[in-house]
Amino acid sequence: MNQFEYELAPNVENAVASGRSNGAVFLAGGTNLIDLMKGNLVRPTRLVDINRLPGLDRIEFLPDGGVRIGALVRNSDLAHDPKFARDFPAVAEALLSGASPQLRNAATVAGNVMQRTRCPYFYDAASACNKREPGAGCEARGGHSRLQAILGWSAHCIATHPSDFSVPLVAFDAVVEIDGPQGRRDVALEDFYLLPGNTPERETILAPGELIVAIRLPAQAALFAGHARYLKIRDRTSYAFAVVSAAAGLRIEGDRIVEARLALGGVALKPWRARAAEACLMGRRAGREEFAEASMLALQEARPSGENEFKIELARRLVVRAFERTAIDNTARLSPLPASIVNLTEEIQR
C-alpha cells in the first residue's frame, strides 16, 4: 500500500479545505474505499476522515413530510428507523437488500451513493480499464460481460452502478446536498451521476473538495408509502449485487393510477429512471397488461453490451412483478420491511 497522510476533520469547512488538495479523498465507513486501497486501485495521498463532523449523523423529518438524511447516517440505522421505513418503504427495503448486516452497520448513506462499480475488470489491476486508467481500453467489452450494462453504456465503459439504495432515491426524486469551495448547492440525485460517454473516469458531478453533507427525500415521496416496493434479482440470495433491480411506486385513486414511479438498477452506470414507463400508466388501471406495456417502454432503449441480452427480458419481467406487488396495499406490512430476496434461478423458471 502506498503511503498517505491521515487527517481527522473537525468540521465541514476544514474537511472541504483539506479535500481540495491533490490526491485527497474523504473517509467515512470505508467499506468500499479500503478495499480499493488494499487492491492498489486507488492511491490517495491524504485520507480526510469525516466521521466526527457534527450534525451529519441525523435523520431529520421535515415539517412538510419530507426527510433529510445526514451523510454519516449508517445504512442499518436508516433502514430500521420505524418512521422512515413506514414513510419510505421502498428505500428501507433497498437498504436491507444490500451487502450484509455487518457492512450495513458500518457503511454510511453518502458512501453508499458514492461507491464504485463492481466490474471485475475495474478491480483487476492487470486488466485494461478506462475508468481506472483513461485511454487504456475496456477489457469487459469482448470479455465476461454477463452482468454489464444494457442501457447508457459506451464503447469506453459497460460497467453498472452497484448501489441498491440509490435506485429508489432516484425514483422518488431525492436531492443531494453538497458543500464545497464554492459554497453549498443542491443536485437531483438523477443528475448527480454521469453516464460513461468518452470520460468514464468521471462518475459524478462532484468537483475537487466537494462533499456530500445530506440527502433529502421530498414530501411527495411519502405519498407513495402504501404502494412502493424495491425488488432485486441476484445470483444468490445473500450478499450479492443486483443482476437487475427495480424500485416502483404507484398512487392509486379509485381504480386508476394517478402517478407512477420507476427506476432500474443493475442496468447502467447510474440508476435508470424510466419516465416513459411512468407516463404510460397515468390514468390507467393497475393491471398486468398495463404493467407489461410499461415494461416495454422502460427497456425500449436497451441493447446488449456483450453476453447479457437476457438481462433485457429479465428486467422487463421484473418491472411487471414490481408493479404488481406495488399495486397491493403495503400499509399493513411490518416496519421496517425485510429485504426483497429474489433468486435468479427461480425467476428464470417462472
Protein backbone atom coordinates (compact mmCIF):
# COMPACT_ATOMS: atom_id res chain seq x y z
CA MET A 1 0.00 0.00 0.00
CA ASN A 2 1.31 3.46 -0.82
CA GLN A 3 1.97 5.92 1.99
CA PHE A 4 -0.62 8.57 2.77
CA GLU A 5 -1.39 11.24 5.33
CA TYR A 6 -4.33 10.91 7.69
CA GLU A 7 -6.39 13.84 8.94
CA LEU A 8 -9.40 13.87 11.26
CA ALA A 9 -11.57 16.77 10.10
CA PRO A 10 -13.21 18.71 12.97
CA ASN A 11 -15.87 20.42 10.84
CA VAL A 12 -17.20 20.63 7.28
CA GLU A 13 -15.16 23.73 6.45
CA ASN A 14 -11.89 22.03 7.36
CA ALA A 15 -12.89 18.87 5.51
CA VAL A 16 -13.66 20.81 2.33
CA ALA A 17 -10.39 22.74 2.55
CA SER A 18 -8.38 19.54 3.02
CA GLY A 19 -10.34 17.73 0.34
CA ARG A 20 -9.23 20.24 -2.29
CA SER A 21 -5.61 19.09 -2.14
CA ASN A 22 -4.40 16.86 -4.94
CA GLY A 23 -4.79 13.18 -4.07
CA ALA A 24 -7.11 13.72 -1.09
CA VAL A 25 -10.16 11.52 -0.53
CA PHE A 26 -12.86 11.53 2.14
CA LEU A 27 -13.14 8.58 4.53
CA ALA A 28 -16.43 7.65 6.21
CA GLY A 29 -17.41 3.98 6.66
CA GLY A 30 -14.59 2.92 4.35
CA THR A 31 -16.34 -0.28 3.26
CA ASN A 32 -15.53 0.41 -0.40
CA LEU A 33 -12.55 2.76 -0.19
CA ILE A 34 -10.39 0.47 1.96
CA ASP A 35 -10.94 -2.41 -0.46
CA LEU A 36 -9.84 -0.22 -3.34
CA MET A 37 -6.75 0.89 -1.45
CA LYS A 38 -5.83 -2.66 -0.50
CA GLY A 39 -6.06 -3.66 -4.14
CA ASN A 40 -3.86 -0.70 -5.12
CA LEU A 41 -6.65 0.52 -7.37
CA VAL A 42 -6.80 3.97 -5.81
CA ARG A 43 -3.74 5.63 -4.31
CA PRO A 44 -4.74 8.63 -2.20
CA THR A 45 -2.03 10.79 -0.71
CA ARG A 46 -4.33 12.01 2.08
CA LEU A 47 -7.32 10.49 3.86
CA VAL A 48 -9.66 13.10 5.30
CA ASP A 49 -11.69 11.33 8.00
CA ILE A 50 -15.14 12.92 8.19
CA ASN A 51 -16.68 10.60 10.79
CA ARG A 52 -16.76 13.25 13.52
CA LEU A 53 -18.29 16.06 11.51
CA PRO A 54 -21.06 17.47 13.72
CA GLY A 55 -24.70 17.06 12.71
CA LEU A 56 -24.15 14.73 9.76
CA ASP A 57 -25.37 11.60 11.56
CA ARG A 58 -29.00 12.72 12.00
CA ILE A 59 -32.28 11.69 10.40
CA GLU A 60 -34.48 14.80 10.33
CA PHE A 61 -38.16 14.51 9.45
CA LEU A 62 -39.17 17.80 7.87
CA PRO A 63 -42.38 19.72 8.65
CA ASP A 64 -43.68 19.27 5.08
CA GLY A 65 -43.44 15.46 5.27
CA GLY A 66 -40.04 15.02 3.63
CA VAL A 67 -36.85 13.78 5.28
CA ARG A 68 -33.25 14.95 5.44
CA ILE A 69 -30.68 12.20 5.95
CA GLY A 70 -27.23 13.22 7.15
CA ALA A 71 -24.34 11.89 5.10
CA LEU A 72 -22.94 9.89 8.03
CA VAL A 73 -26.16 8.07 8.94
CA ARG A 74 -25.42 4.34 8.86
CA ASN A 75 -27.37 2.22 6.41
CA SER A 76 -28.75 -0.06 9.10
CA ASP A 77 -29.86 2.85 11.32
CA LEU A 78 -31.83 4.38 8.47
CA ALA A 79 -33.40 1.12 7.31
CA HIS A 80 -34.53 0.22 10.83
CA ASP A 81 -35.90 3.63 11.77
CA PRO A 82 -39.65 2.86 12.15
CA LYS A 83 -40.95 6.18 10.82
CA PHE A 84 -38.57 6.21 7.88
CA ALA A 85 -39.44 2.63 6.92
CA ARG A 86 -43.14 3.43 7.16
CA ASP A 87 -42.97 6.63 5.09
CA PHE A 88 -40.36 5.48 2.55
CA PRO A 89 -40.70 1.68 2.45
CA ALA A 90 -39.01 1.09 -0.93
CA VAL A 91 -35.88 2.91 0.27
CA ALA A 92 -35.74 0.90 3.51
CA GLU A 93 -36.26 -2.29 1.52
CA ALA A 94 -33.41 -1.38 -0.83
CA LEU A 95 -31.05 -0.75 2.08
CA LEU A 96 -31.87 -4.14 3.59
CA SER A 97 -31.31 -5.79 0.21
CA GLY A 98 -27.70 -4.66 0.04
CA ALA A 99 -24.49 -6.21 1.38
CA SER A 100 -24.54 -7.94 4.80
CA PRO A 101 -25.70 -6.83 8.27
CA GLN A 102 -22.10 -6.19 9.30
CA LEU A 103 -21.44 -3.94 6.31
CA ARG A 104 -24.76 -2.12 6.72
CA ASN A 105 -23.76 -1.34 10.31
CA ALA A 106 -20.55 0.32 9.11
CA ALA A 107 -21.50 1.85 5.76
CA THR A 108 -22.86 5.39 5.50
CA VAL A 109 -25.62 6.59 3.20
CA ALA A 110 -23.31 9.03 1.39
CA GLY A 111 -20.72 6.30 0.95
CA ASN A 112 -23.39 4.03 -0.50
CA VAL A 113 -24.28 6.67 -3.06
CA MET A 114 -20.57 7.19 -3.87
CA GLN A 115 -19.48 3.54 -4.15
CA ARG A 116 -17.58 2.50 -7.26
CA THR A 117 -18.65 -0.03 -9.86
CA ARG A 118 -18.13 -3.72 -9.09
CA CYS A 119 -16.98 -4.55 -12.63
CA PRO A 120 -14.36 -7.35 -12.28
CA TYR A 121 -12.09 -5.69 -14.84
CA PHE A 122 -12.08 -2.48 -12.81
CA TYR A 123 -10.98 -4.47 -9.76
CA ASP A 124 -8.29 -6.38 -11.64
CA ALA A 125 -5.23 -4.15 -11.85
CA ALA A 126 -3.83 -6.34 -14.63
CA SER A 127 -6.84 -5.65 -16.90
CA ALA A 128 -7.31 -2.66 -19.16
CA CYS A 129 -9.93 -0.29 -17.72
CA ASN A 130 -10.72 3.22 -18.99
CA LYS A 131 -12.33 4.06 -15.68
CA ARG A 132 -9.21 3.24 -13.73
CA GLU A 133 -6.74 4.47 -16.38
CA PRO A 134 -8.26 6.72 -19.08
CA GLY A 135 -7.32 5.58 -22.57
CA ALA A 136 -6.27 2.07 -21.52
CA GLY A 137 -9.25 0.37 -23.14
CA CYS A 138 -12.13 -1.72 -21.78
CA GLU A 139 -11.46 -5.44 -21.44
CA ALA A 140 -15.04 -6.01 -20.33
CA ARG A 141 -16.02 -5.49 -23.96
CA GLY A 142 -15.50 -8.88 -25.52
CA GLY A 143 -14.78 -10.34 -22.09
CA HIS A 144 -17.03 -11.64 -19.32
CA SER A 145 -19.94 -9.24 -19.78
CA ARG A 146 -22.91 -11.15 -18.36
CA LEU A 147 -23.59 -8.61 -15.60
CA GLN A 148 -22.65 -5.48 -17.53
CA ALA A 149 -24.82 -2.59 -18.73
CA ILE A 150 -27.72 -2.74 -21.17
CA LEU A 151 -28.58 0.97 -21.00
CA GLY A 152 -26.48 4.10 -21.36
CA TRP A 153 -23.17 2.33 -21.98
CA SER A 154 -20.50 3.45 -24.41
CA ALA A 155 -17.54 1.95 -26.23
CA HIS A 156 -15.38 3.19 -23.34
CA CYS A 157 -17.23 1.52 -20.43
CA ILE A 158 -20.02 -1.02 -19.97
CA ALA A 159 -20.00 -1.22 -16.16
CA THR A 160 -23.04 -0.87 -13.90
CA HIS A 161 -23.58 1.09 -10.69
CA PRO A 162 -23.87 -1.26 -7.68
CA SER A 163 -25.98 0.73 -5.20
CA ASP A 164 -29.39 -0.64 -4.18
CA PHE A 165 -30.13 2.43 -2.06
CA SER A 166 -29.73 4.87 -4.95
CA VAL A 167 -32.36 3.20 -7.14
CA PRO A 168 -35.46 4.17 -5.10
CA LEU A 169 -33.82 7.50 -4.26
CA VAL A 170 -33.76 8.32 -7.98
CA ALA A 171 -37.31 7.00 -8.44
CA PHE A 172 -38.63 9.33 -5.74
CA ASP A 173 -36.69 12.49 -6.68
CA ALA A 174 -34.04 12.54 -3.97
CA VAL A 175 -31.76 15.57 -3.79
CA VAL A 176 -28.09 15.57 -2.76
CA GLU A 177 -26.84 18.46 -0.60
CA ILE A 178 -23.23 19.28 -1.45
CA ASP A 179 -20.78 21.55 0.35
CA GLY A 180 -17.61 22.71 -1.34
CA PRO A 181 -15.15 25.51 -2.02
CA GLN A 182 -17.84 27.48 -3.85
CA GLY A 183 -20.43 27.03 -1.11
CA ARG A 184 -23.47 24.78 -0.87
CA ARG A 185 -25.59 23.50 -3.72
CA ASP A 186 -28.41 21.00 -4.22
CA VAL A 187 -28.40 18.50 -7.10
CA ALA A 188 -31.06 15.96 -8.04
CA LEU A 189 -29.55 12.52 -7.50
CA GLU A 190 -30.63 11.56 -11.01
CA ASP A 191 -28.33 14.31 -12.33
CA PHE A 192 -25.58 13.62 -9.80
CA TYR A 193 -24.36 10.55 -11.68
CA LEU A 194 -22.74 10.72 -15.12
CA LEU A 195 -23.01 8.18 -17.93
CA PRO A 196 -19.65 6.97 -19.24
CA GLY A 197 -19.56 8.60 -22.69
CA ASN A 198 -15.89 9.04 -23.55
CA THR A 199 -14.90 10.03 -19.98
CA PRO A 200 -15.85 7.02 -17.82
CA GLU A 201 -13.33 8.08 -15.16
CA ARG A 202 -15.79 10.87 -14.23
CA GLU A 203 -18.61 9.21 -12.35
CA THR A 204 -20.35 12.14 -10.64
CA ILE A 205 -20.66 15.91 -10.92
CA LEU A 206 -18.59 16.44 -7.75
CA ALA A 207 -15.71 18.91 -8.12
CA PRO A 208 -12.47 18.60 -6.09
CA GLY A 209 -13.11 19.28 -2.43
CA GLU A 210 -16.89 18.91 -2.69
CA LEU A 211 -18.51 16.78 -0.02
CA ILE A 212 -21.99 15.27 0.29
CA VAL A 213 -23.49 16.51 3.56
CA ALA A 214 -27.05 15.18 3.28
CA ILE A 215 -29.65 13.52 1.10
CA ARG A 216 -33.25 14.74 1.02
CA LEU A 217 -36.41 12.96 0.01
CA PRO A 218 -39.32 15.30 -0.76
CA ALA A 219 -42.73 15.09 0.88
CA GLN A 220 -44.12 13.87 -2.45
CA ALA A 221 -42.17 10.62 -2.00
CA ALA A 222 -44.10 9.79 1.18
CA LEU A 223 -47.38 9.87 -0.78
CA PHE A 224 -46.36 6.53 -2.31
CA ALA A 225 -45.87 4.86 1.10
CA GLY A 226 -48.78 2.41 0.70
CA HIS A 227 -47.75 1.37 -2.80
CA ALA A 228 -43.96 1.28 -3.08
CA ARG A 229 -41.56 -1.66 -3.40
CA TYR A 230 -37.97 -2.49 -4.25
CA LEU A 231 -37.28 -5.83 -5.91
CA LYS A 232 -33.87 -7.26 -6.68
CA ILE A 233 -32.80 -10.26 -8.73
CA ARG A 234 -29.38 -11.65 -7.84
CA ASP A 235 -27.42 -14.82 -8.44
CA ARG A 236 -27.62 -15.87 -4.79
CA THR A 237 -29.97 -14.83 -2.05
CA SER A 238 -27.42 -13.17 0.21
CA TYR A 239 -24.64 -10.65 -0.17
CA ALA A 240 -24.81 -10.28 -3.96
CA PHE A 241 -25.16 -7.31 -6.25
CA ALA A 242 -28.19 -6.97 -8.49
CA VAL A 243 -28.38 -8.65 -11.86
CA VAL A 244 -31.31 -6.29 -12.29
CA SER A 245 -33.44 -4.44 -9.73
CA ALA A 246 -36.47 -2.16 -9.76
CA ALA A 247 -37.95 0.47 -7.47
CA ALA A 248 -41.63 1.08 -8.22
CA GLY A 249 -44.26 3.36 -6.75
CA LEU A 250 -47.93 3.99 -7.52
CA ARG A 251 -50.51 6.48 -6.34
CA ILE A 252 -53.92 4.96 -6.89
CA GLU A 253 -57.26 6.74 -6.55
CA GLY A 254 -60.30 4.54 -7.00
CA ASP A 255 -59.35 2.08 -9.70
CA ARG A 256 -56.97 4.42 -11.55
CA ILE A 257 -53.27 5.21 -11.32
CA VAL A 258 -52.77 8.94 -10.83
CA GLU A 259 -48.99 8.82 -10.60
CA ALA A 260 -46.28 6.19 -11.15
CA ARG A 261 -42.55 5.99 -10.41
CA LEU A 262 -39.97 3.54 -11.74
CA ALA A 263 -36.20 3.28 -11.63
CA LEU A 264 -33.99 0.34 -12.55
CA GLY A 265 -30.71 -0.83 -11.05
CA GLY A 266 -28.03 -3.15 -12.39
CA VAL A 267 -28.64 -1.96 -15.95
CA ALA A 268 -26.43 1.15 -16.35
CA LEU A 269 -23.63 3.14 -14.77
CA LYS A 270 -26.31 5.09 -12.89
CA PRO A 271 -29.76 4.27 -11.51
CA TRP A 272 -32.04 4.44 -14.57
CA ARG A 273 -35.26 6.46 -14.28
CA ALA A 274 -37.90 5.13 -16.69
CA ARG A 275 -40.05 8.20 -17.27
CA ALA A 276 -41.76 6.92 -20.42
CA ALA A 277 -42.97 3.88 -18.48
CA GLU A 278 -44.26 6.13 -15.71
CA ALA A 279 -46.16 8.35 -18.16
CA CYS A 280 -47.90 5.46 -19.91
CA LEU A 281 -49.53 4.33 -16.65
CA MET A 282 -51.15 7.67 -15.84
CA GLY A 283 -54.95 7.41 -15.66
CA ARG A 284 -54.97 3.67 -16.34
CA ARG A 285 -55.90 0.62 -14.32
CA ALA A 286 -53.30 -1.20 -12.26
CA GLY A 287 -53.28 -4.41 -14.28
CA ARG A 288 -50.77 -6.84 -15.73
CA GLU A 289 -51.43 -5.74 -19.32
CA GLU A 290 -50.73 -2.12 -18.43
CA PHE A 291 -47.60 -3.05 -16.49
CA ALA A 292 -46.34 -5.15 -19.41
CA GLU A 293 -46.70 -2.17 -21.71
CA ALA A 294 -44.80 -0.01 -19.23
CA SER A 295 -42.03 -2.62 -19.06
CA MET A 296 -41.54 -2.48 -22.82
CA LEU A 297 -41.19 1.29 -22.69
CA ALA A 298 -38.77 1.09 -19.77
CA LEU A 299 -36.39 -1.08 -21.80
CA GLN A 300 -37.04 0.33 -25.27
CA GLU A 301 -33.51 1.77 -25.49
CA ALA A 302 -31.78 -1.31 -24.07
CA ARG A 303 -29.15 -3.14 -26.08
CA PRO A 304 -26.73 -5.85 -25.01
CA SER A 305 -23.12 -4.89 -24.37
CA GLY A 306 -21.94 -8.49 -24.70
CA GLU A 307 -23.28 -11.78 -23.43
CA ASN A 308 -26.09 -10.11 -21.48
CA GLU A 309 -29.05 -9.90 -23.84
CA PHE A 310 -31.01 -12.00 -21.33
CA LYS A 311 -30.96 -9.04 -18.92
CA ILE A 312 -33.33 -7.07 -21.16
CA GLU A 313 -36.13 -9.62 -20.93
CA LEU A 314 -35.32 -10.27 -17.27
CA ALA A 315 -35.63 -6.57 -16.50
CA ARG A 316 -38.97 -6.38 -18.32
CA ARG A 317 -40.34 -9.23 -16.26
CA LEU A 318 -39.05 -7.67 -13.06
CA VAL A 319 -40.78 -4.36 -13.88
CA VAL A 320 -44.11 -6.18 -14.25
CA ARG A 321 -43.61 -8.05 -10.99
CA ALA A 322 -42.53 -4.91 -9.15
CA PHE A 323 -45.63 -3.00 -10.24
CA GLU A 324 -47.89 -5.96 -9.43
CA ARG A 325 -46.51 -6.10 -5.90
CA THR A 326 -46.64 -2.33 -5.64
CA ALA A 327 -50.32 -2.28 -6.60
CA ILE A 328 -51.10 -4.24 -3.42
CA ASP A 329 -51.64 -2.02 -0.39
CA ASN A 330 -48.47 -2.43 1.70
CA THR A 331 -49.51 -0.30 4.68
CA ALA A 332 -50.32 -3.36 6.80
CA ARG A 333 -46.78 -4.74 6.47
CA LEU A 334 -44.48 -4.74 9.44
CA SER A 335 -41.94 -1.94 9.51
CA PRO A 336 -39.15 -1.93 8.58
CA LEU A 337 -39.64 -4.16 5.59
CA PRO A 338 -37.46 -7.23 5.10
CA ALA A 339 -35.03 -7.36 2.22
CA SER A 340 -36.66 -8.42 -1.04
CA ILE A 341 -34.78 -11.56 -1.95
CA VAL A 342 -35.45 -12.90 -5.43
CA ASN A 343 -33.20 -15.72 -6.60
CA LEU A 344 -32.22 -15.59 -10.28
CA THR A 345 -32.80 -19.29 -10.90
CA GLU A 346 -36.32 -19.09 -9.51
CA GLU A 347 -37.09 -16.01 -11.58
CA ILE A 348 -35.90 -17.59 -14.85
CA GLN A 349 -38.00 -20.68 -14.17
CA ARG A 350 -41.08 -18.52 -13.89
